[in-house]
Amino acid sequence: MERRNRFVHYKWKPEARFNSDTVPERELIELEGVEDILLFLEEVENDHVWCGRKEELLTAFRELSSEDKKTAGEKGVREILYRELTA
């Protein structure tokens, strides 16, 4: 029974590195590299999602009338954009 009570009533003790006094300093250190990570992710998105044509694709999509978008559906919009951009 004693063994069970030690397990059930265990009190978690936070590590010293998670002391509330050091949290802001630690967060600043971790945030220093975020801008580089964001730039890298934007490059990956541009290369692999948009194939370097983000503005061109978004402009063509915006130029479609809302009626065209409704009647074509998702697959149809992709086909329309493909035709527009490969013409």
C-alpha atoms as a PDB file:
ATOM      1  CA  MET A   1       0.000   0.000   0.000  1.00  0.00           C
ATOM      2  CA  GLU A   2       2.867   2.387   0.797  1.00  0.00           C
ATOM      3  CA  ARG A   3       4.334   1.856  -2.673  1.00  0.00           C
ATOM      4  CA  ARG A   4       0.979   2.685  -4.269  1.00  0.00           C
ATOM      5  CA  ASN A   5       0.621   5.870  -2.214  1.00  0.00           C
ATOM      6  CA  ARG A   6       4.076   7.061  -3.223  1.00  0.00           C
ATOM      7  CA  PHE A   7       3.090   6.650  -6.863  1.00  0.00           C
ATOM      8  CA  VAL A   8      -0.435   8.095  -6.638  1.00  0.00           C
ATOM      9  CA  HIS A   9       0.529  11.067  -4.478  1.00  0.00           C
ATOM     10  CA  TYR A  10       3.740  11.904  -6.329  1.00  0.00           C
ATOM     11  CA  LYS A  11       4.476  15.646  -6.350  1.00  0.00           C
ATOM     12  CA  TRP A  12       6.199  16.879  -9.493  1.00  0.00           C
ATOM     13  CA  LYS A  13       9.098  19.212  -8.742  1.00  0.00           C
ATOM     14  CA  PRO A  14       9.994  21.591 -11.598  1.00  0.00           C
ATOM     15  CA  GLU A  15      13.566  21.628 -12.759  1.00  0.00           C
ATOM     16  CA  ALA A  16      15.683  24.644 -11.913  1.00  0.00           C
ATOM     17  CA  ARG A  17      16.001  25.597 -15.599  1.00  0.00           C
ATOM     18  CA  PHE A  18      12.256  26.259 -15.701  1.00  0.00           C
ATOM     19  CA  ASN A  19      12.452  28.760 -12.903  1.00  0.00           C
ATOM     20  CA  SER A  20      10.156  31.711 -13.638  1.00  0.00           C
ATOM     21  CA  ASP A  21      13.105  34.100 -13.298  1.00  0.00           C
ATOM     22  CA  THR A  22      14.914  32.560 -16.280  1.00  0.00           C
ATOM     23  CA  VAL A  23      11.951  32.080 -18.626  1.00  0.00           C
ATOM     24  CA  PRO A  24      12.074  35.482 -20.386  1.00  0.00           C
ATOM     25  CA  GLU A  25      15.827  35.144 -20.940  1.00  0.00           C
ATOM     26  CA  ARG A  26      15.413  31.611 -22.320  1.00  0.00           C
ATOM     27  CA  GLU A  27      12.562  32.710 -24.612  1.00  0.00           C
ATOM     28  CA  LEU A  28      14.688  35.520 -26.042  1.00  0.00           C
ATOM     29  CA  ILE A  29      17.483  33.084 -26.817  1.00  0.00           C
ATOM     30  CA  GLU A  30      15.050  30.694 -28.544  1.00  0.00           C
ATOM     31  CA  LEU A  31      13.415  33.480 -30.542  1.00  0.00           C
ATOM     32  CA  GLU A  32      16.697  34.760 -31.992  1.00  0.00           C
ATOM     33  CA  GLY A  33      16.589  32.229 -34.832  1.00  0.00           C
ATOM     34  CA  VAL A  34      12.892  32.546 -35.705  1.00  0.00           C
ATOM     35  CA  GLU A  35      13.349  35.133 -38.471  1.00  0.00           C
ATOM     36  CA  ASP A  36      15.794  32.869 -40.321  1.00  0.00           C
ATOM     37  CA  ILE A  37      13.406  29.931 -39.974  1.00  0.00           C
ATOM     38  CA  LEU A  38      10.505  31.992 -41.371  1.00  0.00           C
ATOM     39  CA  LEU A  39      12.571  33.128 -44.354  1.00  0.00           C
ATOM     40  CA  PHE A  40      13.549  29.517 -45.053  1.00  0.00           C
ATOM     41  CA  LEU A  41       9.919  28.343 -44.839  1.00  0.00           C
ATOM     42  CA  GLU A  42       8.791  31.123 -47.186  1.00  0.00           C
ATOM     43  CA  GLU A  43      11.438  30.021 -49.702  1.00  0.00           C
ATOM     44  CA  VAL A  44      10.276  26.402 -49.446  1.00  0.00           C
ATOM     45  CA  GLU A  45       6.645  27.486 -49.921  1.00  0.00           C
ATOM     46  CA  ASN A  46       7.533  29.613 -52.933  1.00  0.00           C
ATOM     47  CA  ASP A  47       9.618  26.883 -54.567  1.00  0.00           C
ATOM     48  CA  HIS A  48       7.481  23.831 -53.844  1.00  0.00           C
ATOM     49  CA  VAL A  49       3.918  25.112 -53.424  1.00  0.00           C
ATOM     50  CA  TRP A  50       3.814  28.031 -55.825  1.00  0.00           C
ATOM     51  CA  CYS A  51       6.712  26.994 -58.123  1.00  0.00           C
ATOM     52  CA  GLY A  52       7.908  30.600 -58.109  1.00  0.00           C
ATOM     53  CA  ARG A  53       4.592  31.880 -59.519  1.00  0.00           C
ATOM     54  CA  LYS A  54       2.694  32.941 -56.376  1.00  0.00           C
ATOM     55  CA  GLU A  55       1.747  36.452 -57.481  1.00  0.00           C
ATOM     56  CA  GLU A  56       0.866  35.318 -60.993  1.00  0.00           C
ATOM     57  CA  LEU A  57      -1.383  32.523 -59.707  1.00  0.00           C
ATOM     58  CA  LEU A  58      -3.079  34.683 -57.090  1.00  0.00           C
ATOM     59  CA  THR A  59      -3.703  37.467 -59.609  1.00  0.00           C
ATOM     60  CA  ALA A  60      -5.257  35.003 -62.075  1.00  0.00           C
ATOM     61  CA  PHE A  61      -7.431  33.567 -59.287  1.00  0.00           C
ATOM     62  CA  ARG A  62      -8.607  37.025 -58.193  1.00  0.00           C
ATOM     63  CA  GLU A  63      -9.511  37.894 -61.768  1.00  0.00           C
ATOM     64  CA  LEU A  64     -11.934  34.977 -62.014  1.00  0.00           C
ATOM     65  CA  SER A  65     -15.469  36.124 -61.371  1.00  0.00           C
ATOM     66  CA  SER A  66     -17.147  34.793 -58.242  1.00  0.00           C
ATOM     67  CA  GLU A  67     -19.758  33.165 -60.500  1.00  0.00           C
ATOM     68  CA  ASP A  68     -17.014  31.264 -62.358  1.00  0.00           C
ATOM     69  CA  LYS A  69     -15.594  30.089 -59.037  1.00  0.00           C
ATOM     70  CA  LYS A  70     -18.995  28.899 -57.798  1.00  0.00           C
ATOM     71  CA  THR A  71     -19.958  27.019 -60.945  1.00  0.00           C
ATOM     72  CA  ALA A  72     -16.532  25.526 -61.627  1.00  0.00           C
ATOM     73  CA  GLY A  73     -15.877  24.123 -58.165  1.00  0.00           C
ATOM     74  CA  GLU A  74     -12.404  23.505 -56.820  1.00  0.00           C
ATOM     75  CA  LYS A  75     -11.282  21.182 -59.625  1.00  0.00           C
ATOM     76  CA  GLY A  76     -12.704  23.490 -62.268  1.00  0.00           C
ATOM     77  CA  VAL A  77     -10.947  26.537 -60.837  1.00  0.00           C
ATOM     78  CA  ARG A  78      -7.641  24.670 -60.990  1.00  0.00           C
ATOM     79  CA  GLU A  79      -8.327  23.778 -64.631  1.00  0.00           C
ATOM     80  CA  ILE A  80      -9.265  27.367 -65.497  1.00  0.00           C
ATOM     81  CA  LEU A  81      -6.118  28.719 -63.846  1.00  0.00           C
ATOM     82  CA  TYR A  82      -4.007  26.120 -65.619  1.00  0.00           C
ATOM     83  CA  ARG A  83      -5.464  27.081 -69.003  1.00  0.00           C
ATOM     84  CA  GLU A  84      -5.008  30.807 -68.281  1.00  0.00           C
ATOM     85  CA  LEU A  85      -1.394  30.405 -67.225  1.00  0.00           C
ATOM     86  CA  THR A  86      -0.321  28.019 -69.963  1.00  0.00           C
ATOM     87  CA  ALA A  87      -1.966  29.925 -72.825  1.00  0.00           C
END
